All heavy atoms as atom14 arrays in JSON, in Angstrom:
{
  "sequence": "VVGPATARALRTYGWQATLVASQAHAMGLLEALGPVAGLSVLLVQ",
  "atom14_mask": [
    [1, 1, 1, 1, 1, 1, 1, 0, 0, 0, 0, 0, 0, 0],
    [1, 1, 1, 1, 1, 1, 1, 0, 0, 0, 0, 0, 0, 0],
    [1, 1, 1, 1, 0, 0, 0, 0, 0, 0, 0, 0, 0, 0],
    [1, 1, 1, 1, 1, 1, 1, 0, 0, 0, 0, 0, 0, 0],
    [1, 1, 1, 1, 1, 0, 0, 0, 0, 0, 0, 0, 0, 0],
    [1, 1, 1, 1, 1, 1, 1, 0, 0, 0, 0, 0, 0, 0],
    [1, 1, 1, 1, 1, 0, 0, 0, 0, 0, 0, 0, 0, 0],
    [1, 1, 1, 1, 1, 1, 1, 1, 1, 1, 1, 0, 0, 0],
    [1, 1, 1, 1, 1, 0, 0, 0, 0, 0, 0, 0, 0, 0],
    [1, 1, 1, 1, 1, 1, 1, 1, 0, 0, 0, 0, 0, 0],
    [1, 1, 1, 1, 1, 1, 1, 1, 1, 1, 1, 0, 0, 0],
    [1, 1, 1, 1, 1, 1, 1, 0, 0, 0, 0, 0, 0, 0],
    [1, 1, 1, 1, 1, 1, 1, 1, 1, 1, 1, 1, 0, 0],
    [1, 1, 1, 1, 0, 0, 0, 0, 0, 0, 0, 0, 0, 0],
    [1, 1, 1, 1, 1, 1, 1, 1, 1, 1, 1, 1, 1, 1],
    [1, 1, 1, 1, 1, 1, 1, 1, 1, 0, 0, 0, 0, 0],
    [1, 1, 1, 1, 1, 0, 0, 0, 0, 0, 0, 0, 0, 0],
    [1, 1, 1, 1, 1, 1, 1, 0, 0, 0, 0, 0, 0, 0],
    [1, 1, 1, 1, 1, 1, 1, 1, 0, 0, 0, 0, 0, 0],
    [1, 1, 1, 1, 1, 1, 1, 0, 0, 0, 0, 0, 0, 0],
    [1, 1, 1, 1, 1, 0, 0, 0, 0, 0, 0, 0, 0, 0],
    [1, 1, 1, 1, 1, 1, 0, 0, 0, 0, 0, 0, 0, 0],
    [1, 1, 1, 1, 1, 1, 1, 1, 1, 0, 0, 0, 0, 0],
    [1, 1, 1, 1, 1, 0, 0, 0, 0, 0, 0, 0, 0, 0],
    [1, 1, 1, 1, 1, 1, 1, 1, 1, 1, 0, 0, 0, 0],
    [1, 1, 1, 1, 1, 0, 0, 0, 0, 0, 0, 0, 0, 0],
    [1, 1, 1, 1, 1, 1, 1, 1, 0, 0, 0, 0, 0, 0],
    [1, 1, 1, 1, 0, 0, 0, 0, 0, 0, 0, 0, 0, 0],
    [1, 1, 1, 1, 1, 1, 1, 1, 0, 0, 0, 0, 0, 0],
    [1, 1, 1, 1, 1, 1, 1, 1, 0, 0, 0, 0, 0, 0],
    [1, 1, 1, 1, 1, 1, 1, 1, 1, 0, 0, 0, 0, 0],
    [1, 1, 1, 1, 1, 0, 0, 0, 0, 0, 0, 0, 0, 0],
    [1, 1, 1, 1, 1, 1, 1, 1, 0, 0, 0, 0, 0, 0],
    [1, 1, 1, 1, 0, 0, 0, 0, 0, 0, 0, 0, 0, 0],
    [1, 1, 1, 1, 1, 1, 1, 0, 0, 0, 0, 0, 0, 0],
    [1, 1, 1, 1, 1, 1, 1, 0, 0, 0, 0, 0, 0, 0],
    [1, 1, 1, 1, 1, 0, 0, 0, 0, 0, 0, 0, 0, 0],
    [1, 1, 1, 1, 0, 0, 0, 0, 0, 0, 0, 0, 0, 0],
    [1, 1, 1, 1, 1, 1, 1, 1, 0, 0, 0, 0, 0, 0],
    [1, 1, 1, 1, 1, 1, 0, 0, 0, 0, 0, 0, 0, 0],
    [1, 1, 1, 1, 1, 1, 1, 0, 0, 0, 0, 0, 0, 0],
    [1, 1, 1, 1, 1, 1, 1, 1, 0, 0, 0, 0, 0, 0],
    [1, 1, 1, 1, 1, 1, 1, 1, 0, 0, 0, 0, 0, 0],
    [1, 1, 1, 1, 1, 1, 1, 0, 0, 0, 0, 0, 0, 0],
    [1, 1, 1, 1, 1, 1, 1, 1, 1, 0, 0, 0, 0, 0]
  ],
  "atom14_positions": [
    [[-1.07, 0.08, 0.29], [-1.59, -1.29, 0.25], [-1.81, -1.72, -1.2], [-1.87, -0.89, -2.11], [-2.91, -1.42, 1.04], [-2.71, -1.04, 2.49], [-4.02, -0.58, 0.42], [0.0, 0.0, 0.0], [0.0, 0.0, 0.0], [0.0, 0.0, 0.0], [0.0, 0.0, 0.0], [0.0, 0.0, 0.0], [0.0, 0.0, 0.0], [0.0, 0.0, 0.0]],
    [[-1.96, -3.03, -1.38], [-2.05, -3.56, -2.74], [-3.44, -3.48, -3.35], [-3.58, -3.59, -4.56], [-1.58, -5.03, -2.78], [-0.11, -5.14, -2.46], [-2.41, -5.9, -1.85], [0.0, 0.0, 0.0], [0.0, 0.0, 0.0], [0.0, 0.0, 0.0], [0.0, 0.0, 0.0], [0.0, 0.0, 0.0], [0.0, 0.0, 0.0], [0.0, 0.0, 0.0]],
    [[-4.48, -3.33, -2.58], [-5.8, -3.3, -3.17], [-6.88, -3.0, -2.15], [-6.61, -2.82, -0.95], [0.0, 0.0, 0.0], [0.0, 0.0, 0.0], [0.0, 0.0, 0.0], [0.0, 0.0, 0.0], [0.0, 0.0, 0.0], [0.0, 0.0, 0.0], [0.0, 0.0, 0.0], [0.0, 0.0, 0.0], [0.0, 0.0, 0.0], [0.0, 0.0, 0.0]],
    [[-8.15, -2.95, -2.58], [-9.24, -2.54, -1.7], [-9.49, -3.49, -0.54], [-9.91, -3.06, 0.53], [-10.45, -2.47, -2.64], [-10.07, -3.28, -3.85], [-8.6, -3.15, -3.98], [0.0, 0.0, 0.0], [0.0, 0.0, 0.0], [0.0, 0.0, 0.0], [0.0, 0.0, 0.0], [0.0, 0.0, 0.0], [0.0, 0.0, 0.0], [0.0, 0.0, 0.0]],
    [[-9.24, -4.8, -0.71], [-9.46, -5.73, 0.39], [-8.49, -5.44, 1.54], [-8.89, -5.49, 2.72], [-9.3, -7.17, -0.08], [0.0, 0.0, 0.0], [0.0, 0.0, 0.0], [0.0, 0.0, 0.0], [0.0, 0.0, 0.0], [0.0, 0.0, 0.0], [0.0, 0.0, 0.0], [0.0, 0.0, 0.0], [0.0, 0.0, 0.0], [0.0, 0.0, 0.0]],
    [[-7.26, -5.13, 1.21], [-6.29, -4.79, 2.25], [-6.64, -3.46, 2.9], [-6.5, -3.29, 4.12], [-4.87, -4.74, 1.65], [-4.64, -5.93, 0.89], [-3.83, -4.65, 2.75], [0.0, 0.0, 0.0], [0.0, 0.0, 0.0], [0.0, 0.0, 0.0], [0.0, 0.0, 0.0], [0.0, 0.0, 0.0], [0.0, 0.0, 0.0], [0.0, 0.0, 0.0]],
    [[-7.13, -2.52, 2.1], [-7.56, -1.23, 2.66], [-8.74, -1.42, 3.61], [-8.81, -0.78, 4.68], [-7.93, -0.28, 1.53], [0.0, 0.0, 0.0], [0.0, 0.0, 0.0], [0.0, 0.0, 0.0], [0.0, 0.0, 0.0], [0.0, 0.0, 0.0], [0.0, 0.0, 0.0], [0.0, 0.0, 0.0], [0.0, 0.0, 0.0], [0.0, 0.0, 0.0]],
    [[-9.68, -2.3, 3.25], [-10.82, -2.57, 4.14], [-10.34, -3.19, 5.45], [-10.86, -2.87, 6.53], [-11.81, -3.5, 3.45], [-12.66, -2.84, 2.39], [-13.86, -3.69, 2.02], [-13.46, -4.98, 1.46], [-13.21, -5.19, 0.17], [-13.31, -4.19, -0.69], [-12.88, -6.39, -0.26], [0.0, 0.0, 0.0], [0.0, 0.0, 0.0], [0.0, 0.0, 0.0]],
    [[-9.38, -4.1, 5.37], [-8.84, -4.72, 6.59], [-8.24, -3.66, 7.5], [-8.42, -3.7, 8.72], [-7.81, -5.78, 6.23], [0.0, 0.0, 0.0], [0.0, 0.0, 0.0], [0.0, 0.0, 0.0], [0.0, 0.0, 0.0], [0.0, 0.0, 0.0], [0.0, 0.0, 0.0], [0.0, 0.0, 0.0], [0.0, 0.0, 0.0], [0.0, 0.0, 0.0]],
    [[-7.53, -2.7, 6.94], [-6.95, -1.62, 7.75], [-8.02, -0.85, 8.52], [-7.84, -0.5, 9.69], [-6.2, -0.65, 6.84], [-4.74, -0.88, 6.51], [-4.24, 0.22, 5.59], [-3.88, -0.94, 7.77], [0.0, 0.0, 0.0], [0.0, 0.0, 0.0], [0.0, 0.0, 0.0], [0.0, 0.0, 0.0], [0.0, 0.0, 0.0], [0.0, 0.0, 0.0]],
    [[-9.13, -0.58, 7.85], [-10.17, 0.23, 8.48], [-10.76, -0.44, 9.71], [-11.27, 0.24, 10.61], [-11.26, 0.58, 7.46], [-10.78, 1.56, 6.39], [-11.95, 2.16, 5.64], [-12.63, 1.2, 4.79], [-12.29, 0.93, 3.54], [-11.27, 1.56, 2.97], [-12.96, 0.04, 2.83], [0.0, 0.0, 0.0], [0.0, 0.0, 0.0], [0.0, 0.0, 0.0]],
    [[-10.71, -1.78, 9.77], [-11.25, -2.46, 10.95], [-10.42, -2.16, 12.2], [-10.89, -2.37, 13.32], [-11.3, -3.98, 10.74], [-9.98, -4.5, 10.62], [-12.1, -4.34, 9.5], [0.0, 0.0, 0.0], [0.0, 0.0, 0.0], [0.0, 0.0, 0.0], [0.0, 0.0, 0.0], [0.0, 0.0, 0.0], [0.0, 0.0, 0.0], [0.0, 0.0, 0.0]],
    [[-9.21, -1.65, 12.02], [-8.35, -1.28, 13.14], [-8.22, 0.24, 13.3], [-7.37, 0.72, 14.05], [-6.96, -1.91, 12.98], [-7.03, -3.42, 12.9], [-7.03, -4.06, 11.67], [-7.13, -4.18, 14.06], [-7.11, -5.45, 11.6], [-7.21, -5.57, 13.99], [-7.2, -6.2, 12.76], [-7.3, -7.58, 12.68], [0.0, 0.0, 0.0], [0.0, 0.0, 0.0]],
    [[-9.04, 0.97, 12.58], [-9.03, 2.42, 12.69], [-7.96, 3.11, 11.89], [-7.73, 4.31, 12.08], [0.0, 0.0, 0.0], [0.0, 0.0, 0.0], [0.0, 0.0, 0.0], [0.0, 0.0, 0.0], [0.0, 0.0, 0.0], [0.0, 0.0, 0.0], [0.0, 0.0, 0.0], [0.0, 0.0, 0.0], [0.0, 0.0, 0.0], [0.0, 0.0, 0.0]],
    [[-7.29, 2.4, 11.0], [-6.27, 2.99, 10.13], [-6.81, 3.15, 8.72], [-7.66, 2.37, 8.28], [-5.02, 2.11, 10.1], [-4.14, 2.24, 11.31], [-4.41, 2.95, 12.45], [-2.86, 1.63, 11.51], [-3.37, 2.82, 13.35], [-2.41, 2.03, 12.8], [-2.06, 0.81, 10.73], [-1.19, 1.61, 13.32], [-0.83, 0.39, 11.25], [-0.4, 0.79, 12.53]],
    [[-6.3, 4.15, 8.02], [-6.72, 4.42, 6.65], [-5.52, 4.3, 5.71], [-4.42, 4.77, 6.04], [-7.31, 5.84, 6.52], [-8.61, 6.04, 7.28], [-9.78, 5.35, 6.62], [-9.8, 5.14, 5.42], [-10.78, 4.98, 7.41], [0.0, 0.0, 0.0], [0.0, 0.0, 0.0], [0.0, 0.0, 0.0], [0.0, 0.0, 0.0], [0.0, 0.0, 0.0]],
    [[-5.74, 3.69, 4.57], [-4.68, 3.61, 3.56], [-4.51, 4.97, 2.9], [-5.49, 5.61, 2.49], [-5.02, 2.56, 2.52], [0.0, 0.0, 0.0], [0.0, 0.0, 0.0], [0.0, 0.0, 0.0], [0.0, 0.0, 0.0], [0.0, 0.0, 0.0], [0.0, 0.0, 0.0], [0.0, 0.0, 0.0], [0.0, 0.0, 0.0], [0.0, 0.0, 0.0]],
    [[-3.27, 5.42, 2.8], [-2.94, 6.65, 2.09], [-2.88, 6.4, 0.59], [-3.29, 7.24, -0.21], [-1.57, 7.18, 2.55], [-1.54, 7.24, 3.97], [-1.29, 8.56, 1.97], [0.0, 0.0, 0.0], [0.0, 0.0, 0.0], [0.0, 0.0, 0.0], [0.0, 0.0, 0.0], [0.0, 0.0, 0.0], [0.0, 0.0, 0.0], [0.0, 0.0, 0.0]],
    [[-2.42, 5.21, 0.21], [-2.22, 4.85, -1.19], [-2.73, 3.44, -1.41], [-2.3, 2.51, -0.73], [-0.72, 4.93, -1.54], [-0.32, 4.47, -2.94], [-0.89, 5.42, -3.99], [1.2, 4.39, -3.06], [0.0, 0.0, 0.0], [0.0, 0.0, 0.0], [0.0, 0.0, 0.0], [0.0, 0.0, 0.0], [0.0, 0.0, 0.0], [0.0, 0.0, 0.0]],
    [[-3.66, 3.28, -2.36], [-4.18, 1.96, -2.75], [-3.8, 1.74, -4.21], [-4.26, 2.47, -5.09], [-5.71, 1.86, -2.58], [-6.2, 0.47, -2.96], [-6.1, 2.2, -1.14], [0.0, 0.0, 0.0], [0.0, 0.0, 0.0], [0.0, 0.0, 0.0], [0.0, 0.0, 0.0], [0.0, 0.0, 0.0], [0.0, 0.0, 0.0], [0.0, 0.0, 0.0]],
    [[-2.94, 0.76, -4.46], [-2.49, 0.53, -5.83], [-3.66, 0.15, -6.72], [-4.47, -0.72, -6.36], [-1.44, -0.58, -5.84], [0.0, 0.0, 0.0], [0.0, 0.0, 0.0], [0.0, 0.0, 0.0], [0.0, 0.0, 0.0], [0.0, 0.0, 0.0], [0.0, 0.0, 0.0], [0.0, 0.0, 0.0], [0.0, 0.0, 0.0], [0.0, 0.0, 0.0]],
    [[-3.77, 0.78, -7.87], [-4.86, 0.48, -8.79], [-4.72, -0.92, -9.37], [-5.71, -1.57, -9.7], [-4.91, 1.52, -9.91], [-3.67, 1.56, -10.61], [0.0, 0.0, 0.0], [0.0, 0.0, 0.0], [0.0, 0.0, 0.0], [0.0, 0.0, 0.0], [0.0, 0.0, 0.0], [0.0, 0.0, 0.0], [0.0, 0.0, 0.0], [0.0, 0.0, 0.0]],
    [[-3.48, -1.38, -9.53], [-3.23, -2.77, -9.91], [-2.97, -3.54, -8.62], [-1.95, -3.32, -7.96], [-2.02, -2.87, -10.84], [-2.19, -2.11, -12.14], [-0.96, -2.24, -13.01], [-0.61, -3.33, -13.45], [-0.27, -1.13, -13.23], [0.0, 0.0, 0.0], [0.0, 0.0, 0.0], [0.0, 0.0, 0.0], [0.0, 0.0, 0.0], [0.0, 0.0, 0.0]],
    [[-3.9, -4.41, -8.28], [-3.91, -5.02, -6.95], [-2.92, -6.18, -6.84], [-3.29, -7.33, -6.63], [-5.31, -5.47, -6.58], [0.0, 0.0, 0.0], [0.0, 0.0, 0.0], [0.0, 0.0, 0.0], [0.0, 0.0, 0.0], [0.0, 0.0, 0.0], [0.0, 0.0, 0.0], [0.0, 0.0, 0.0], [0.0, 0.0, 0.0], [0.0, 0.0, 0.0]],
    [[-1.65, -5.86, -6.96], [-0.6, -6.84, -6.72], [0.66, -6.07, -6.31], [0.71, -4.83, -6.39], [-0.34, -7.73, -7.93], [-0.13, -7.01, -9.22], [1.04, -6.37, -9.54], [-0.97, -6.8, -10.25], [0.94, -5.82, -10.74], [-0.28, -6.06, -11.19], [0.0, 0.0, 0.0], [0.0, 0.0, 0.0], [0.0, 0.0, 0.0], [0.0, 0.0, 0.0]],
    [[1.66, -6.8, -5.85], [2.83, -6.15, -5.24], [3.53, -5.2, -6.19], [3.93, -4.09, -5.8], [3.79, -7.22, -4.74], [0.0, 0.0, 0.0], [0.0, 0.0, 0.0], [0.0, 0.0, 0.0], [0.0, 0.0, 0.0], [0.0, 0.0, 0.0], [0.0, 0.0, 0.0], [0.0, 0.0, 0.0], [0.0, 0.0, 0.0], [0.0, 0.0, 0.0]],
    [[3.7, -5.59, -7.45], [4.4, -4.72, -8.38], [3.56, -3.49, -8.73], [4.11, -2.43, -9.05], [4.78, -5.49, -9.64], [5.8, -6.6, -9.36], [7.23, -6.04, -8.41], [8.04, -5.01, -9.63], [0.0, 0.0, 0.0], [0.0, 0.0, 0.0], [0.0, 0.0, 0.0], [0.0, 0.0, 0.0], [0.0, 0.0, 0.0], [0.0, 0.0, 0.0]],
    [[2.24, -3.61, -8.65], [1.4, -2.44, -8.82], [1.62, -1.43, -7.71], [1.61, -0.22, -7.95], [0.0, 0.0, 0.0], [0.0, 0.0, 0.0], [0.0, 0.0, 0.0], [0.0, 0.0, 0.0], [0.0, 0.0, 0.0], [0.0, 0.0, 0.0], [0.0, 0.0, 0.0], [0.0, 0.0, 0.0], [0.0, 0.0, 0.0], [0.0, 0.0, 0.0]],
    [[1.85, -1.93, -6.51], [2.14, -1.02, -5.39], [3.49, -0.35, -5.59], [3.63, 0.86, -5.33], [2.12, -1.81, -4.07], [2.43, -1.03, -2.8], [1.51, 0.17, -2.64], [2.35, -1.94, -1.59], [0.0, 0.0, 0.0], [0.0, 0.0, 0.0], [0.0, 0.0, 0.0], [0.0, 0.0, 0.0], [0.0, 0.0, 0.0], [0.0, 0.0, 0.0]],
    [[4.47, -1.09, -6.05], [5.8, -0.49, -6.3], [5.69, 0.64, -7.31], [6.26, 1.73, -7.12], [6.76, -1.57, -6.8], [8.19, -1.1, -7.08], [8.87, -0.6, -5.82], [9.0, -2.24, -7.72], [0.0, 0.0, 0.0], [0.0, 0.0, 0.0], [0.0, 0.0, 0.0], [0.0, 0.0, 0.0], [0.0, 0.0, 0.0], [0.0, 0.0, 0.0]],
    [[4.94, 0.42, -8.36], [4.77, 1.46, -9.38], [4.04, 2.67, -8.82], [4.4, 3.83, -9.11], [4.01, 0.89, -10.58], [3.81, 1.88, -11.7], [3.09, 1.26, -12.89], [3.02, 0.02, -12.97], [2.56, 2.03, -13.72], [0.0, 0.0, 0.0], [0.0, 0.0, 0.0], [0.0, 0.0, 0.0], [0.0, 0.0, 0.0], [0.0, 0.0, 0.0]],
    [[3.01, 2.42, -8.0], [2.22, 3.52, -7.45], [3.03, 4.38, -6.48], [2.78, 5.58, -6.35], [0.98, 2.97, -6.75], [0.0, 0.0, 0.0], [0.0, 0.0, 0.0], [0.0, 0.0, 0.0], [0.0, 0.0, 0.0], [0.0, 0.0, 0.0], [0.0, 0.0, 0.0], [0.0, 0.0, 0.0], [0.0, 0.0, 0.0], [0.0, 0.0, 0.0]],
    [[4.0, 3.79, -5.82], [4.8, 4.55, -4.85], [5.66, 5.62, -5.51], [5.93, 6.66, -4.91], [5.71, 3.59, -4.06], [5.03, 2.75, -2.99], [5.97, 1.66, -2.51], [4.58, 3.61, -1.82], [0.0, 0.0, 0.0], [0.0, 0.0, 0.0], [0.0, 0.0, 0.0], [0.0, 0.0, 0.0], [0.0, 0.0, 0.0], [0.0, 0.0, 0.0]],
    [[6.1, 5.38, -6.73], [6.98, 6.34, -7.39], [8.38, 6.26, -6.8], [8.79, 5.26, -6.22], [0.0, 0.0, 0.0], [0.0, 0.0, 0.0], [0.0, 0.0, 0.0], [0.0, 0.0, 0.0], [0.0, 0.0, 0.0], [0.0, 0.0, 0.0], [0.0, 0.0, 0.0], [0.0, 0.0, 0.0], [0.0, 0.0, 0.0], [0.0, 0.0, 0.0]],
    [[9.15, 7.33, -6.92], [10.54, 7.31, -6.42], [10.6, 7.06, -4.91], [9.87, 7.67, -4.14], [11.05, 8.71, -6.76], [10.17, 9.19, -7.88], [8.83, 8.6, -7.61], [0.0, 0.0, 0.0], [0.0, 0.0, 0.0], [0.0, 0.0, 0.0], [0.0, 0.0, 0.0], [0.0, 0.0, 0.0], [0.0, 0.0, 0.0], [0.0, 0.0, 0.0]],
    [[11.5, 6.16, -4.51], [11.62, 5.83, -3.1], [13.06, 6.01, -2.58], [13.36, 5.66, -1.44], [11.17, 4.37, -2.84], [9.68, 4.23, -3.08], [11.97, 3.38, -3.68], [0.0, 0.0, 0.0], [0.0, 0.0, 0.0], [0.0, 0.0, 0.0], [0.0, 0.0, 0.0], [0.0, 0.0, 0.0], [0.0, 0.0, 0.0], [0.0, 0.0, 0.0]],
    [[13.94, 6.55, -3.39], [15.35, 6.68, -3.0], [15.47, 7.46, -1.69], [14.92, 8.56, -1.55], [16.14, 7.38, -4.1], [0.0, 0.0, 0.0], [0.0, 0.0, 0.0], [0.0, 0.0, 0.0], [0.0, 0.0, 0.0], [0.0, 0.0, 0.0], [0.0, 0.0, 0.0], [0.0, 0.0, 0.0], [0.0, 0.0, 0.0], [0.0, 0.0, 0.0]],
    [[16.14, 6.87, -0.73], [16.39, 7.52, 0.54], [15.25, 7.48, 1.53], [15.39, 7.97, 2.65], [0.0, 0.0, 0.0], [0.0, 0.0, 0.0], [0.0, 0.0, 0.0], [0.0, 0.0, 0.0], [0.0, 0.0, 0.0], [0.0, 0.0, 0.0], [0.0, 0.0, 0.0], [0.0, 0.0, 0.0], [0.0, 0.0, 0.0], [0.0, 0.0, 0.0]],
    [[14.11, 6.88, 1.15], [12.96, 6.84, 2.05], [13.02, 5.6, 2.94], [13.35, 4.5, 2.49], [11.65, 6.83, 1.24], [11.4, 8.01, 0.31], [10.03, 7.89, -0.33], [11.52, 9.32, 1.07], [0.0, 0.0, 0.0], [0.0, 0.0, 0.0], [0.0, 0.0, 0.0], [0.0, 0.0, 0.0], [0.0, 0.0, 0.0], [0.0, 0.0, 0.0]],
    [[12.67, 5.79, 4.2], [12.59, 4.68, 5.14], [11.25, 3.97, 4.98], [10.19, 4.59, 5.15], [12.75, 5.2, 6.57], [12.73, 4.14, 7.49], [0.0, 0.0, 0.0], [0.0, 0.0, 0.0], [0.0, 0.0, 0.0], [0.0, 0.0, 0.0], [0.0, 0.0, 0.0], [0.0, 0.0, 0.0], [0.0, 0.0, 0.0], [0.0, 0.0, 0.0]],
    [[11.29, 2.68, 4.62], [10.07, 1.93, 4.28], [10.03, 0.66, 5.12], [11.02, -0.07, 5.24], [10.06, 1.56, 2.78], [8.82, 0.72, 2.45], [10.1, 2.83, 1.92], [0.0, 0.0, 0.0], [0.0, 0.0, 0.0], [0.0, 0.0, 0.0], [0.0, 0.0, 0.0], [0.0, 0.0, 0.0], [0.0, 0.0, 0.0], [0.0, 0.0, 0.0]],
    [[8.85, 0.38, 5.69], [8.61, -0.85, 6.43], [7.59, -1.68, 5.66], [6.46, -1.23, 5.45], [8.1, -0.54, 7.84], [7.71, -1.74, 8.72], [8.9, -2.67, 8.95], [7.14, -1.25, 10.05], [0.0, 0.0, 0.0], [0.0, 0.0, 0.0], [0.0, 0.0, 0.0], [0.0, 0.0, 0.0], [0.0, 0.0, 0.0], [0.0, 0.0, 0.0]],
    [[7.99, -2.86, 5.24], [7.14, -3.75, 4.44], [6.69, -4.91, 5.31], [7.52, -5.64, 5.86], [7.92, -4.25, 3.23], [7.29, -5.35, 2.37], [5.95, -4.9, 1.8], [8.25, -5.78, 1.27], [0.0, 0.0, 0.0], [0.0, 0.0, 0.0], [0.0, 0.0, 0.0], [0.0, 0.0, 0.0], [0.0, 0.0, 0.0], [0.0, 0.0, 0.0]],
    [[5.37, -5.09, 5.44], [4.8, -6.15, 6.26], [4.16, -7.19, 5.35], [3.28, -6.85, 4.54], [3.76, -5.57, 7.25], [3.15, -6.68, 8.1], [4.39, -4.51, 8.13], [0.0, 0.0, 0.0], [0.0, 0.0, 0.0], [0.0, 0.0, 0.0], [0.0, 0.0, 0.0], [0.0, 0.0, 0.0], [0.0, 0.0, 0.0], [0.0, 0.0, 0.0]],
    [[4.58, -8.45, 5.48], [4.07, -9.49, 4.58], [4.24, -10.87, 5.22], [4.61, -10.99, 6.38], [4.81, -9.43, 3.25], [6.32, -9.56, 3.36], [7.03, -9.34, 2.04], [6.46, -8.85, 1.08], [8.29, -9.73, 1.99], [0.0, 0.0, 0.0], [0.0, 0.0, 0.0], [0.0, 0.0, 0.0], [0.0, 0.0, 0.0], [0.0, 0.0, 0.0]]
  ]
}
């Protein structure tokens, strides 16, 4: 997720964020993910 507000929203449904980008914007999340080659990714927006 992009930041703590999105992580809090997840918790209301019983889900936990594995990764919270320290820079709370989309490109911060891309950087936090690291290498993604060959990984199956579902982006919800």
